[in-house]
Amino acid sequence: MNKRLLVISTVLGLFLGASVTRCLAAEEATAADGASAHMLVTVEAVHGSNVPVINREDVRVYEGRDRDKVTGWVPAQGDHAGLELVVMLDDGSNISLGSQLEDLRQFIVAQPASTKIGIAYMQNGIAKMEQKLTSDHALAAKALRLPMGISGINGSPYFSLSDLIKHWPETTARREVLLVSDGIDRYYGVGDMLDPYLAAAIEDTQRAGVIVYGIYTPGVGHYGHSHWLTYWGQLYLAQVAEETGGESYYIGFFGPPVAFTPYLDDMEHRLTNQYWLTFTAKPQKKRGLQRVKVTTEVPNAELVSADKVYVPAAVP
């Protein structure tokens, strides 16, 4: 009897040990596989305008000190060149914006056929679409108009940015925004880098994988010449652009830009040097945004991207 119990105990122990080993191996495989994450990356030259060629093996992605596996690095060209670009202007801007509309029109009509353009105006916390996304660039250019120039007509440009993102259908094309505003949050105020509406707009934009470019143009009245308000508005615009992988443009605290053309040329240069990056992120119990750093050791090259990426929950 004792021998029979010993044999049964031994067999049961081996079975349980094998089961535990298989479970641990499965867990380790799940942890190793992680979750697939995607983001749009812009390559820029550190010096000069000649952007180096970057190959997949040149790209490094880090979450903290942990390096993630890069599984895809595809140029946004050819079959992957699709772009949806929304030009969003602040209806509370100074009438001086009118002198820049021709620069914007020329930029819009010069876009390649693979680009769809939409025109929106920031108004009462929403993105009021004057022209839905269209491949007819001449039609989009015609939708540009003078701003209403009414003080307070747009309480916060960040309400409008969030509204645009939330109503933008998902697509396999790139999604990017040119935001033209003074950047001042009239609803919450300025002087606080923890502005909750600014933070919410950045989170919405990062979650959707949208890149934002910002051009400063003054608002009407006191908001157009107050150094304090102008300073913070430009900082907010710069923060949105920086944290979503874009660029912000301004000439300082005194008045509007002389011309938009140099900014638009730089933006166009960036649009032609973008890549779709896919990598295996660290597995997470819950889906959400994870902080990442994308780098390369290729000389004279710098990779610009959002500082957070949406990562789905790991599949058990």
C-alpha atoms as a PDB file:
ATOM      1  CA  MET A   1       0.000   0.000   0.000  1.00  0.00           C
ATOM      2  CA  ASN A   2       2.754   2.412   0.920  1.00  0.00           C
ATOM      3  CA  LYS A   3       4.573   1.595  -2.328  1.00  0.00           C
ATOM      4  CA  ARG A   4       1.405   2.323  -4.318  1.00  0.00           C
ATOM      5  CA  LEU A   5       0.965   5.683  -2.578  1.00  0.00           C
ATOM      6  CA  LEU A   6       4.617   6.494  -3.204  1.00  0.00           C
ATOM      7  CA  VAL A   7       4.249   5.760  -6.923  1.00  0.00           C
ATOM      8  CA  ILE A   8       1.050   7.835  -7.170  1.00  0.00           C
ATOM      9  CA  SER A   9       2.663  10.742  -5.273  1.00  0.00           C
ATOM     10  CA  THR A  10       5.714  10.637  -7.522  1.00  0.00           C
ATOM     11  CA  VAL A  11       3.666  10.613 -10.734  1.00  0.00           C
ATOM     12  CA  LEU A  12       1.392  13.396  -9.452  1.00  0.00           C
ATOM     13  CA  GLY A  13       4.418  15.478  -8.462  1.00  0.00           C
ATOM     14  CA  LEU A  14       5.987  15.091 -11.891  1.00  0.00           C
ATOM     15  CA  PHE A  15       2.692  16.024 -13.571  1.00  0.00           C
ATOM     16  CA  LEU A  16       2.221  19.127 -11.432  1.00  0.00           C
ATOM     17  CA  GLY A  17       5.861  20.109 -11.904  1.00  0.00           C
ATOM     18  CA  ALA A  18       5.519  19.821 -15.676  1.00  0.00           C
ATOM     19  CA  SER A  19       2.278  21.833 -15.593  1.00  0.00           C
ATOM     20  CA  VAL A  20       3.871  24.611 -13.567  1.00  0.00           C
ATOM     21  CA  THR A  21       6.862  24.645 -15.925  1.00  0.00           C
ATOM     22  CA  ARG A  22       4.559  24.949 -18.942  1.00  0.00           C
ATOM     23  CA  CYS A  23       2.619  27.798 -17.270  1.00  0.00           C
ATOM     24  CA  LEU A  24       5.797  29.667 -16.399  1.00  0.00           C
ATOM     25  CA  ALA A  25       7.107  29.174 -19.931  1.00  0.00           C
ATOM     26  CA  ALA A  26       3.821  30.516 -21.330  1.00  0.00           C
ATOM     27  CA  GLU A  27       4.009  33.537 -19.050  1.00  0.00           C
ATOM     28  CA  GLU A  28       7.611  34.188 -20.054  1.00  0.00           C
ATOM     29  CA  ALA A  29       6.690  33.890 -23.728  1.00  0.00           C
ATOM     30  CA  THR A  30       3.825  36.366 -23.257  1.00  0.00           C
ATOM     31  CA  ALA A  31       6.152  38.772 -21.460  1.00  0.00           C
ATOM     32  CA  ALA A  32       8.748  38.361 -24.175  1.00  0.00           C
ATOM     33  CA  ASP A  33       6.212  38.884 -26.976  1.00  0.00           C
ATOM     34  CA  GLY A  34       4.703  42.010 -25.405  1.00  0.00           C
ATOM     35  CA  ALA A  35       2.295  44.173 -27.343  1.00  0.00           C
ATOM     36  CA  SER A  36       2.769  45.663 -30.797  1.00  0.00           C
ATOM     37  CA  ALA A  37       2.866  49.474 -30.796  1.00  0.00           C
ATOM     38  CA  HIS A  38       2.922  51.904 -33.725  1.00  0.00           C
ATOM     39  CA  MET A  39       3.981  55.507 -34.101  1.00  0.00           C
ATOM     40  CA  LEU A  40       4.968  58.052 -36.730  1.00  0.00           C
ATOM     41  CA  VAL A  41       8.570  59.265 -36.596  1.00  0.00           C
ATOM     42  CA  THR A  42      10.204  62.221 -38.363  1.00  0.00           C
ATOM     43  CA  VAL A  43      13.886  62.104 -39.282  1.00  0.00           C
ATOM     44  CA  GLU A  44      15.717  65.427 -39.284  1.00  0.00           C
ATOM     45  CA  ALA A  45      19.301  66.449 -39.870  1.00  0.00           C
ATOM     46  CA  VAL A  46      21.213  67.809 -36.892  1.00  0.00           C
ATOM     47  CA  HIS A  47      23.197  70.095 -39.204  1.00  0.00           C
ATOM     48  CA  GLY A  48      22.206  71.246 -42.662  1.00  0.00           C
ATOM     49  CA  SER A  49      19.207  70.059 -44.657  1.00  0.00           C
ATOM     50  CA  ASN A  50      20.427  66.728 -46.027  1.00  0.00           C
ATOM     51  CA  VAL A  51      18.544  64.125 -44.030  1.00  0.00           C
ATOM     52  CA  PRO A  52      20.473  60.835 -43.649  1.00  0.00           C
ATOM     53  CA  VAL A  53      18.888  57.541 -44.693  1.00  0.00           C
ATOM     54  CA  ILE A  54      17.783  55.515 -41.677  1.00  0.00           C
ATOM     55  CA  ASN A  55      17.319  51.743 -41.835  1.00  0.00           C
ATOM     56  CA  ARG A  56      15.387  49.589 -39.391  1.00  0.00           C
ATOM     57  CA  GLU A  57      18.538  48.275 -37.719  1.00  0.00           C
ATOM     58  CA  ASP A  58      19.568  51.882 -37.004  1.00  0.00           C
ATOM     59  CA  VAL A  59      16.489  52.574 -34.843  1.00  0.00           C
ATOM     60  CA  ARG A  60      16.431  52.096 -31.080  1.00  0.00           C
ATOM     61  CA  VAL A  61      13.323  52.290 -28.898  1.00  0.00           C
ATOM     62  CA  TYR A  62      13.539  52.483 -25.113  1.00  0.00           C
ATOM     63  CA  GLU A  63      11.016  52.296 -22.313  1.00  0.00           C
ATOM     64  CA  GLY A  64      13.067  53.589 -19.429  1.00  0.00           C
ATOM     65  CA  ARG A  65      16.288  51.557 -19.565  1.00  0.00           C
ATOM     66  CA  ASP A  66      14.671  48.645 -21.366  1.00  0.00           C
ATOM     67  CA  ARG A  67      15.206  48.397 -25.101  1.00  0.00           C
ATOM     68  CA  ASP A  68      12.248  47.236 -27.197  1.00  0.00           C
ATOM     69  CA  LYS A  69      12.427  45.171 -30.362  1.00  0.00           C
ATOM     70  CA  VAL A  70      11.863  47.146 -33.573  1.00  0.00           C
ATOM     71  CA  THR A  71       9.692  45.076 -35.925  1.00  0.00           C
ATOM     72  CA  GLY A  72       8.868  47.609 -38.638  1.00  0.00           C
ATOM     73  CA  TRP A  73      10.334  50.780 -40.158  1.00  0.00           C
ATOM     74  CA  VAL A  74       8.531  51.842 -43.330  1.00  0.00           C
ATOM     75  CA  PRO A  75       9.059  55.163 -45.159  1.00  0.00           C
ATOM     76  CA  ALA A  76       5.850  57.201 -45.515  1.00  0.00           C
ATOM     77  CA  GLN A  77       6.255  57.160 -49.285  1.00  0.00           C
ATOM     78  CA  GLY A  78       4.700  55.397 -52.264  1.00  0.00           C
ATOM     79  CA  ASP A  79       1.851  53.174 -51.092  1.00  0.00           C
ATOM     80  CA  HIS A  80       2.426  54.399 -47.533  1.00  0.00           C
ATOM     81  CA  ALA A  81       2.445  58.136 -48.308  1.00  0.00           C
ATOM     82  CA  GLY A  82      -1.224  58.730 -47.431  1.00  0.00           C
ATOM     83  CA  LEU A  83      -1.713  61.834 -45.287  1.00  0.00           C
ATOM     84  CA  GLU A  84      -4.737  63.537 -43.750  1.00  0.00           C
ATOM     85  CA  LEU A  85      -3.810  67.101 -42.822  1.00  0.00           C
ATOM     86  CA  VAL A  86      -6.164  69.503 -41.057  1.00  0.00           C
ATOM     87  CA  VAL A  87      -5.316  73.206 -41.119  1.00  0.00           C
ATOM     88  CA  MET A  88      -7.007  74.633 -38.022  1.00  0.00           C
ATOM     89  CA  LEU A  89      -7.105  78.405 -37.484  1.00  0.00           C
ATOM     90  CA  ASP A  90      -8.202  80.378 -34.438  1.00  0.00           C
ATOM     91  CA  ASP A  91     -11.284  82.542 -35.063  1.00  0.00           C
ATOM     92  CA  GLY A  92     -10.079  84.818 -32.266  1.00  0.00           C
ATOM     93  CA  SER A  93      -6.929  85.742 -34.192  1.00  0.00           C
ATOM     94  CA  ASN A  94      -5.989  89.279 -35.121  1.00  0.00           C
ATOM     95  CA  ILE A  95      -6.986  90.427 -38.595  1.00  0.00           C
ATOM     96  CA  SER A  96      -3.252  90.372 -39.466  1.00  0.00           C
ATOM     97  CA  LEU A  97      -3.719  86.640 -40.133  1.00  0.00           C
ATOM     98  CA  GLY A  98      -5.363  87.668 -43.401  1.00  0.00           C
ATOM     99  CA  SER A  99      -1.998  88.599 -44.887  1.00  0.00           C
ATOM    100  CA  GLN A 100      -0.829  85.004 -44.368  1.00  0.00           C
ATOM    101  CA  LEU A 101      -3.760  83.268 -46.055  1.00  0.00           C
ATOM    102  CA  GLU A 102      -2.136  83.347 -49.490  1.00  0.00           C
ATOM    103  CA  ASP A 103       0.924  81.533 -48.099  1.00  0.00           C
ATOM    104  CA  LEU A 104      -1.407  78.883 -46.696  1.00  0.00           C
ATOM    105  CA  ARG A 105      -3.275  78.571 -50.008  1.00  0.00           C
ATOM    106  CA  GLN A 106      -0.069  78.023 -51.944  1.00  0.00           C
ATOM    107  CA  PHE A 107       1.056  75.428 -49.417  1.00  0.00           C
ATOM    108  CA  ILE A 108      -2.260  73.567 -49.674  1.00  0.00           C
ATOM    109  CA  VAL A 109      -2.463  73.422 -53.488  1.00  0.00           C
ATOM    110  CA  ALA A 110       1.159  72.253 -53.666  1.00  0.00           C
ATOM    111  CA  GLN A 111       0.491  69.115 -51.613  1.00  0.00           C
ATOM    112  CA  PRO A 112       0.817  65.747 -53.385  1.00  0.00           C
ATOM    113  CA  ALA A 113      -2.218  63.830 -54.581  1.00  0.00           C
ATOM    114  CA  SER A 114      -1.811  61.358 -51.692  1.00  0.00           C
ATOM    115  CA  THR A 115      -2.680  64.132 -49.204  1.00  0.00           C
ATOM    116  CA  LYS A 116      -6.195  65.011 -48.115  1.00  0.00           C
ATOM    117  CA  ILE A 117      -6.693  68.509 -46.679  1.00  0.00           C
ATOM    118  CA  GLY A 118      -9.324  69.733 -44.240  1.00  0.00           C
ATOM    119  CA  ILE A 119      -9.946  73.311 -43.052  1.00  0.00           C
ATOM    120  CA  ALA A 120     -11.269  74.027 -39.554  1.00  0.00           C
ATOM    121  CA  TYR A 121     -11.735  77.110 -37.379  1.00  0.00           C
ATOM    122  CA  MET A 122     -11.509  77.115 -33.585  1.00  0.00           C
ATOM    123  CA  GLN A 123     -14.791  78.455 -32.349  1.00  0.00           C
ATOM    124  CA  ASN A 124     -16.495  78.115 -28.943  1.00  0.00           C
ATOM    125  CA  GLY A 125     -14.389  75.126 -27.964  1.00  0.00           C
ATOM    126  CA  ILE A 126     -15.012  73.090 -31.107  1.00  0.00           C
ATOM    127  CA  ALA A 127     -13.264  72.530 -34.425  1.00  0.00           C
ATOM    128  CA  LYS A 128     -15.774  73.951 -36.896  1.00  0.00           C
ATOM    129  CA  MET A 129     -15.048  72.273 -40.230  1.00  0.00           C
ATOM    130  CA  GLU A 130     -15.232  74.742 -43.107  1.00  0.00           C
ATOM    131  CA  GLN A 131     -14.083  72.007 -45.481  1.00  0.00           C
ATOM    132  CA  LYS A 132     -14.025  68.297 -44.724  1.00  0.00           C
ATOM    133  CA  LEU A 133     -10.968  66.294 -45.689  1.00  0.00           C
ATOM    134  CA  THR A 134     -10.700  66.298 -49.468  1.00  0.00           C
ATOM    135  CA  SER A 135      -8.227  65.410 -52.202  1.00  0.00           C
ATOM    136  CA  ASP A 136      -9.375  68.536 -54.075  1.00  0.00           C
ATOM    137  CA  HIS A 137      -6.688  70.907 -52.830  1.00  0.00           C
ATOM    138  CA  ALA A 138      -8.083  73.896 -54.710  1.00  0.00           C
ATOM    139  CA  LEU A 139     -11.426  73.357 -52.969  1.00  0.00           C
ATOM    140  CA  ALA A 140      -9.702  73.209 -49.584  1.00  0.00           C
ATOM    141  CA  ALA A 141      -7.751  76.388 -50.314  1.00  0.00           C
ATOM    142  CA  LYS A 142     -10.991  78.233 -51.145  1.00  0.00           C
ATOM    143  CA  ALA A 143     -12.351  77.420 -47.682  1.00  0.00           C
ATOM    144  CA  LEU A 144      -9.750  79.663 -46.025  1.00  0.00           C
ATOM    145  CA  ARG A 145     -11.263  82.942 -44.799  1.00  0.00           C
ATOM    146  CA  LEU A 146     -10.458  85.842 -42.525  1.00  0.00           C
ATOM    147  CA  PRO A 147     -10.840  85.097 -38.806  1.00  0.00           C
ATOM    148  CA  MET A 148     -13.842  86.632 -37.068  1.00  0.00           C
ATOM    149  CA  GLY A 149     -11.436  88.512 -34.803  1.00  0.00           C
ATOM    150  CA  ILE A 150     -13.821  88.485 -31.836  1.00  0.00           C
ATOM    151  CA  SER A 151     -12.175  88.436 -28.429  1.00  0.00           C
ATOM    152  CA  GLY A 152     -13.126  85.315 -26.507  1.00  0.00           C
ATOM    153  CA  ILE A 153     -14.874  83.556 -29.418  1.00  0.00           C
ATOM    154  CA  ASN A 154     -12.559  80.638 -28.735  1.00  0.00           C
ATOM    155  CA  GLY A 155     -12.188  80.015 -25.006  1.00  0.00           C
ATOM    156  CA  SER A 156      -9.341  77.541 -25.387  1.00  0.00           C
ATOM    157  CA  PRO A 157      -7.570  76.238 -28.501  1.00  0.00           C
ATOM    158  CA  TYR A 158      -7.040  73.000 -26.599  1.00  0.00           C
ATOM    159  CA  PHE A 159     -10.780  72.348 -26.331  1.00  0.00           C
ATOM    160  CA  SER A 160     -10.927  72.676 -30.110  1.00  0.00           C
ATOM    161  CA  LEU A 161      -7.925  70.394 -30.649  1.00  0.00           C
ATOM    162  CA  SER A 162      -9.474  67.691 -28.467  1.00  0.00           C
ATOM    163  CA  ASP A 163     -12.774  68.074 -30.312  1.00  0.00           C
ATOM    164  CA  LEU A 164     -11.035  67.627 -33.661  1.00  0.00           C
ATOM    165  CA  ILE A 165      -9.191  64.508 -32.510  1.00  0.00           C
ATOM    166  CA  LYS A 166     -12.282  62.876 -30.993  1.00  0.00           C
ATOM    167  CA  HIS A 167     -14.283  63.299 -34.215  1.00  0.00           C
ATOM    168  CA  TRP A 168     -11.485  62.211 -36.563  1.00  0.00           C
ATOM    169  CA  PRO A 169     -12.140  58.699 -37.936  1.00  0.00           C
ATOM    170  CA  GLU A 170      -9.308  56.209 -37.669  1.00  0.00           C
ATOM    171  CA  THR A 171      -7.385  55.563 -40.849  1.00  0.00           C
ATOM    172  CA  THR A 172      -4.230  53.884 -42.095  1.00  0.00           C
ATOM    173  CA  ALA A 173      -3.007  57.268 -43.379  1.00  0.00           C
ATOM    174  CA  ARG A 174      -0.878  59.686 -41.385  1.00  0.00           C
ATOM    175  CA  ARG A 175      -2.923  62.217 -39.417  1.00  0.00           C
ATOM    176  CA  GLU A 176      -1.389  65.627 -38.743  1.00  0.00           C
ATOM    177  CA  VAL A 177      -2.585  69.095 -37.738  1.00  0.00           C
ATOM    178  CA  LEU A 178      -1.350  72.589 -38.493  1.00  0.00           C
ATOM    179  CA  LEU A 179      -2.650  74.685 -35.600  1.00  0.00           C
ATOM    180  CA  VAL A 180      -2.538  78.475 -36.120  1.00  0.00           C
ATOM    181  CA  SER A 181      -3.318  80.344 -32.894  1.00  0.00           C
ATOM    182  CA  ASP A 182      -1.936  82.522 -30.124  1.00  0.00           C
ATOM    183  CA  GLY A 183      -2.015  79.411 -27.915  1.00  0.00           C
ATOM    184  CA  ILE A 184      -3.557  81.265 -24.969  1.00  0.00           C
ATOM    185  CA  ASP A 185      -6.014  79.305 -22.840  1.00  0.00           C
ATOM    186  CA  ARG A 186      -8.567  81.983 -21.969  1.00  0.00           C
ATOM    187  CA  TYR A 187     -10.755  79.501 -20.116  1.00  0.00           C
ATOM    188  CA  TYR A 188      -8.193  78.188 -17.632  1.00  0.00           C
ATOM    189  CA  GLY A 189      -5.704  81.049 -17.771  1.00  0.00           C
ATOM    190  CA  VAL A 190      -1.932  81.052 -18.189  1.00  0.00           C
ATOM    191  CA  GLY A 191       1.103  80.695 -15.949  1.00  0.00           C
ATOM    192  CA  ASP A 192       0.601  77.005 -15.180  1.00  0.00           C
ATOM    193  CA  MET A 193       2.405  74.264 -17.101  1.00  0.00           C
ATOM    194  CA  LEU A 194      -0.105  71.825 -15.574  1.00  0.00           C
ATOM    195  CA  ASP A 195      -3.066  73.342 -17.427  1.00  0.00           C
ATOM    196  CA  PRO A 196      -5.536  70.393 -17.392  1.00  0.00           C
ATOM    197  CA  TYR A 197      -7.090  71.276 -20.775  1.00  0.00           C
ATOM    198  CA  LEU A 198      -3.692  71.497 -22.405  1.00  0.00           C
ATOM    199  CA  ALA A 199      -2.748  68.153 -20.839  1.00  0.00           C
ATOM    200  CA  ALA A 200      -6.012  66.553 -21.984  1.00  0.00           C
ATOM    201  CA  ALA A 201      -5.485  67.764 -25.569  1.00  0.00           C
ATOM    202  CA  ILE A 202      -1.948  66.362 -25.606  1.00  0.00           C
ATOM    203  CA  GLU A 203      -3.160  63.013 -24.243  1.00  0.00           C
ATOM    204  CA  ASP A 204      -5.985  62.810 -26.804  1.00  0.00           C
ATOM    205  CA  THR A 205      -3.540  63.617 -29.588  1.00  0.00           C
ATOM    206  CA  GLN A 206      -0.912  61.113 -28.457  1.00  0.00           C
ATOM    207  CA  ARG A 207      -3.517  58.381 -28.030  1.00  0.00           C
ATOM    208  CA  ALA A 208      -4.678  58.956 -31.622  1.00  0.00           C
ATOM    209  CA  GLY A 209      -1.099  59.095 -32.953  1.00  0.00           C
ATOM    210  CA  VAL A 210      -1.613  62.578 -34.428  1.00  0.00           C
ATOM    211  CA  ILE A 211       1.289  65.005 -34.934  1.00  0.00           C
ATOM    212  CA  VAL A 212       0.687  68.728 -34.307  1.00  0.00           C
ATOM    213  CA  TYR A 213       2.560  71.677 -35.810  1.00  0.00           C
ATOM    214  CA  GLY A 214       1.920  75.090 -34.283  1.00  0.00           C
ATOM    215  CA  ILE A 215       2.301  78.553 -35.799  1.00  0.00           C
ATOM    216  CA  TYR A 216       1.906  81.481 -33.427  1.00  0.00           C
ATOM    217  CA  THR A 217      -0.236  84.377 -34.602  1.00  0.00           C
ATOM    218  CA  PRO A 218      -1.521  87.059 -32.189  1.00  0.00           C
ATOM    219  CA  GLY A 219      -5.064  87.327 -30.926  1.00  0.00           C
ATOM    220  CA  VAL A 220      -7.171  90.476 -30.803  1.00  0.00           C
ATOM    221  CA  GLY A 221      -7.045  93.197 -28.166  1.00  0.00           C
ATOM    222  CA  HIS A 222      -4.961  92.877 -25.023  1.00  0.00           C
ATOM    223  CA  TYR A 223      -4.162  89.244 -25.775  1.00  0.00           C
ATOM    224  CA  GLY A 224      -2.293  90.331 -28.888  1.00  0.00           C
ATOM    225  CA  HIS A 225       0.294  92.547 -27.170  1.00  0.00           C
ATOM    226  CA  SER A 226       0.607  91.381 -23.547  1.00  0.00           C
ATOM    227  CA  HIS A 227       4.123  89.959 -23.138  1.00  0.00           C
ATOM    228  CA  TRP A 228       3.004  87.747 -20.260  1.00  0.00           C
ATOM    229  CA  LEU A 229       0.063  86.195 -22.127  1.00  0.00           C
ATOM    230  CA  THR A 230       1.993  85.902 -25.376  1.00  0.00           C
ATOM    231  CA  TYR A 231       4.892  84.194 -23.614  1.00  0.00           C
ATOM    232  CA  TRP A 232       2.679  81.507 -22.113  1.00  0.00           C
ATOM    233  CA  GLY A 233       0.646  81.027 -25.270  1.00  0.00           C
ATOM    234  CA  GLN A 234       3.804  80.314 -27.237  1.00  0.00           C
ATOM    235  CA  LEU A 235       5.017  77.925 -24.546  1.00  0.00           C
ATOM    236  CA  TYR A 236       1.740  75.999 -24.709  1.00  0.00           C
ATOM    237  CA  LEU A 237       1.918  75.734 -28.488  1.00  0.00           C
ATOM    238  CA  ALA A 238       5.513  74.552 -28.224  1.00  0.00           C
ATOM    239  CA  GLN A 239       4.543  71.942 -25.623  1.00  0.00           C
ATOM    240  CA  VAL A 240       1.766  70.474 -27.776  1.00  0.00           C
ATOM    241  CA  ALA A 241       4.106  70.250 -30.765  1.00  0.00           C
ATOM    242  CA  GLU A 242       7.025  68.823 -28.793  1.00  0.00           C
ATOM    243  CA  GLU A 243       5.049  66.117 -27.020  1.00  0.00           C
ATOM    244  CA  THR A 244       3.272  64.941 -30.177  1.00  0.00           C
ATOM    245  CA  GLY A 245       6.368  64.837 -32.388  1.00  0.00           C
ATOM    246  CA  GLY A 246       5.755  68.067 -34.321  1.00  0.00           C
ATOM    247  CA  GLU A 247       7.331  71.524 -34.432  1.00  0.00           C
ATOM    248  CA  SER A 248       6.275  75.016 -33.310  1.00  0.00           C
ATOM    249  CA  TYR A 249       7.106  78.275 -35.073  1.00  0.00           C
ATOM    250  CA  TYR A 250       7.221  81.859 -33.806  1.00  0.00           C
ATOM    251  CA  ILE A 251       9.494  84.879 -34.028  1.00  0.00           C
ATOM    252  CA  GLY A 252       9.301  86.145 -30.451  1.00  0.00           C
ATOM    253  CA  PHE A 253       6.890  88.125 -28.357  1.00  0.00           C
ATOM    254  CA  PHE A 254       6.323  91.077 -30.662  1.00  0.00           C
ATOM    255  CA  GLY A 255       3.591  90.870 -33.268  1.00  0.00           C
ATOM    256  CA  PRO A 256       2.768  88.382 -36.009  1.00  0.00           C
ATOM    257  CA  PRO A 257       5.219  86.546 -38.272  1.00  0.00           C
ATOM    258  CA  VAL A 258       6.312  88.441 -41.374  1.00  0.00           C
ATOM    259  CA  ALA A 259       5.399  85.411 -43.512  1.00  0.00           C
ATOM    260  CA  PHE A 260       4.309  81.817 -43.016  1.00  0.00           C
ATOM    261  CA  THR A 261       6.254  80.523 -46.027  1.00  0.00           C
ATOM    262  CA  PRO A 262       9.521  79.668 -44.175  1.00  0.00           C
ATOM    263  CA  TYR A 263       7.535  77.745 -41.555  1.00  0.00           C
ATOM    264  CA  LEU A 264       5.467  75.917 -44.159  1.00  0.00           C
ATOM    265  CA  ASP A 265       8.603  75.019 -46.130  1.00  0.00           C
ATOM    266  CA  ASP A 266      10.134  73.499 -43.003  1.00  0.00           C
ATOM    267  CA  MET A 267       6.940  71.602 -42.277  1.00  0.00           C
ATOM    268  CA  GLU A 268       6.847  70.279 -45.851  1.00  0.00           C
ATOM    269  CA  HIS A 269      10.454  69.090 -45.454  1.00  0.00           C
ATOM    270  CA  ARG A 270       9.474  67.177 -42.325  1.00  0.00           C
ATOM    271  CA  LEU A 271       6.439  65.593 -43.977  1.00  0.00           C
ATOM    272  CA  THR A 272       8.679  64.103 -46.673  1.00  0.00           C
ATOM    273  CA  ASN A 273      11.002  62.490 -44.109  1.00  0.00           C
ATOM    274  CA  GLN A 274       8.627  60.442 -42.001  1.00  0.00           C
ATOM    275  CA  TYR A 275       8.519  56.727 -41.204  1.00  0.00           C
ATOM    276  CA  TRP A 276       6.019  54.303 -39.722  1.00  0.00           C
ATOM    277  CA  LEU A 277       7.653  52.642 -36.707  1.00  0.00           C
ATOM    278  CA  THR A 278       6.404  49.367 -35.229  1.00  0.00           C
ATOM    279  CA  PHE A 279       7.930  47.845 -32.133  1.00  0.00           C
ATOM    280  CA  THR A 280       7.198  45.354 -29.375  1.00  0.00           C
ATOM    281  CA  ALA A 281       6.358  47.285 -26.221  1.00  0.00           C
ATOM    282  CA  LYS A 282       6.599  45.955 -22.693  1.00  0.00           C
ATOM    283  CA  PRO A 283       3.401  44.053 -21.854  1.00  0.00           C
ATOM    284  CA  GLN A 284       0.914  45.966 -19.710  1.00  0.00           C
ATOM    285  CA  LYS A 285      -2.111  44.722 -17.801  1.00  0.00           C
ATOM    286  CA  LYS A 286      -4.140  47.680 -19.034  1.00  0.00           C
ATOM    287  CA  ARG A 287      -4.028  49.505 -22.337  1.00  0.00           C
ATOM    288  CA  GLY A 288      -2.834  53.097 -22.283  1.00  0.00           C
ATOM    289  CA  LEU A 289      -0.031  55.528 -23.001  1.00  0.00           C
ATOM    290  CA  GLN A 290       3.556  54.510 -22.304  1.00  0.00           C
ATOM    291  CA  ARG A 291       6.569  56.825 -22.297  1.00  0.00           C
ATOM    292  CA  VAL A 292       9.118  55.911 -24.962  1.00  0.00           C
ATOM    293  CA  LYS A 293      12.319  57.304 -26.417  1.00  0.00           C
ATOM    294  CA  VAL A 294      13.243  56.734 -30.066  1.00  0.00           C
ATOM    295  CA  THR A 295      16.892  57.286 -31.009  1.00  0.00           C
ATOM    296  CA  THR A 296      19.562  56.444 -33.564  1.00  0.00           C
ATOM    297  CA  GLU A 297      23.344  56.457 -33.673  1.00  0.00           C
ATOM    298  CA  VAL A 298      23.482  57.381 -37.363  1.00  0.00           C
ATOM    299  CA  PRO A 299      25.667  60.502 -37.682  1.00  0.00           C
ATOM    300  CA  ASN A 300      23.895  63.833 -38.228  1.00  0.00           C
ATOM    301  CA  ALA A 301      20.463  62.245 -37.748  1.00  0.00           C
ATOM    302  CA  GLU A 302      17.828  62.810 -35.072  1.00  0.00           C
ATOM    303  CA  LEU A 303      14.525  60.990 -34.663  1.00  0.00           C
ATOM    304  CA  VAL A 304      11.581  63.132 -33.585  1.00  0.00           C
ATOM    305  CA  SER A 305       8.431  61.497 -32.251  1.00  0.00           C
ATOM    306  CA  ALA A 306       5.781  61.764 -29.576  1.00  0.00           C
ATOM    307  CA  ASP A 307       7.155  61.086 -26.111  1.00  0.00           C
ATOM    308  CA  LYS A 308       4.276  58.678 -25.371  1.00  0.00           C
ATOM    309  CA  VAL A 309       2.640  55.987 -27.473  1.00  0.00           C
ATOM    310  CA  TYR A 310      -0.606  54.075 -27.093  1.00  0.00           C
ATOM    311  CA  VAL A 311       0.043  50.445 -26.154  1.00  0.00           C
ATOM    312  CA  PRO A 312      -2.734  47.816 -26.138  1.00  0.00           C
ATOM    313  CA  ALA A 313      -3.016  45.420 -23.233  1.00  0.00           C
ATOM    314  CA  ALA A 314      -0.905  42.280 -23.513  1.00  0.00           C
ATOM    315  CA  VAL A 315      -2.854  39.223 -24.687  1.00  0.00           C
ATOM    316  CA  PRO A 316      -2.819  36.539 -21.962  1.00  0.00           C
END
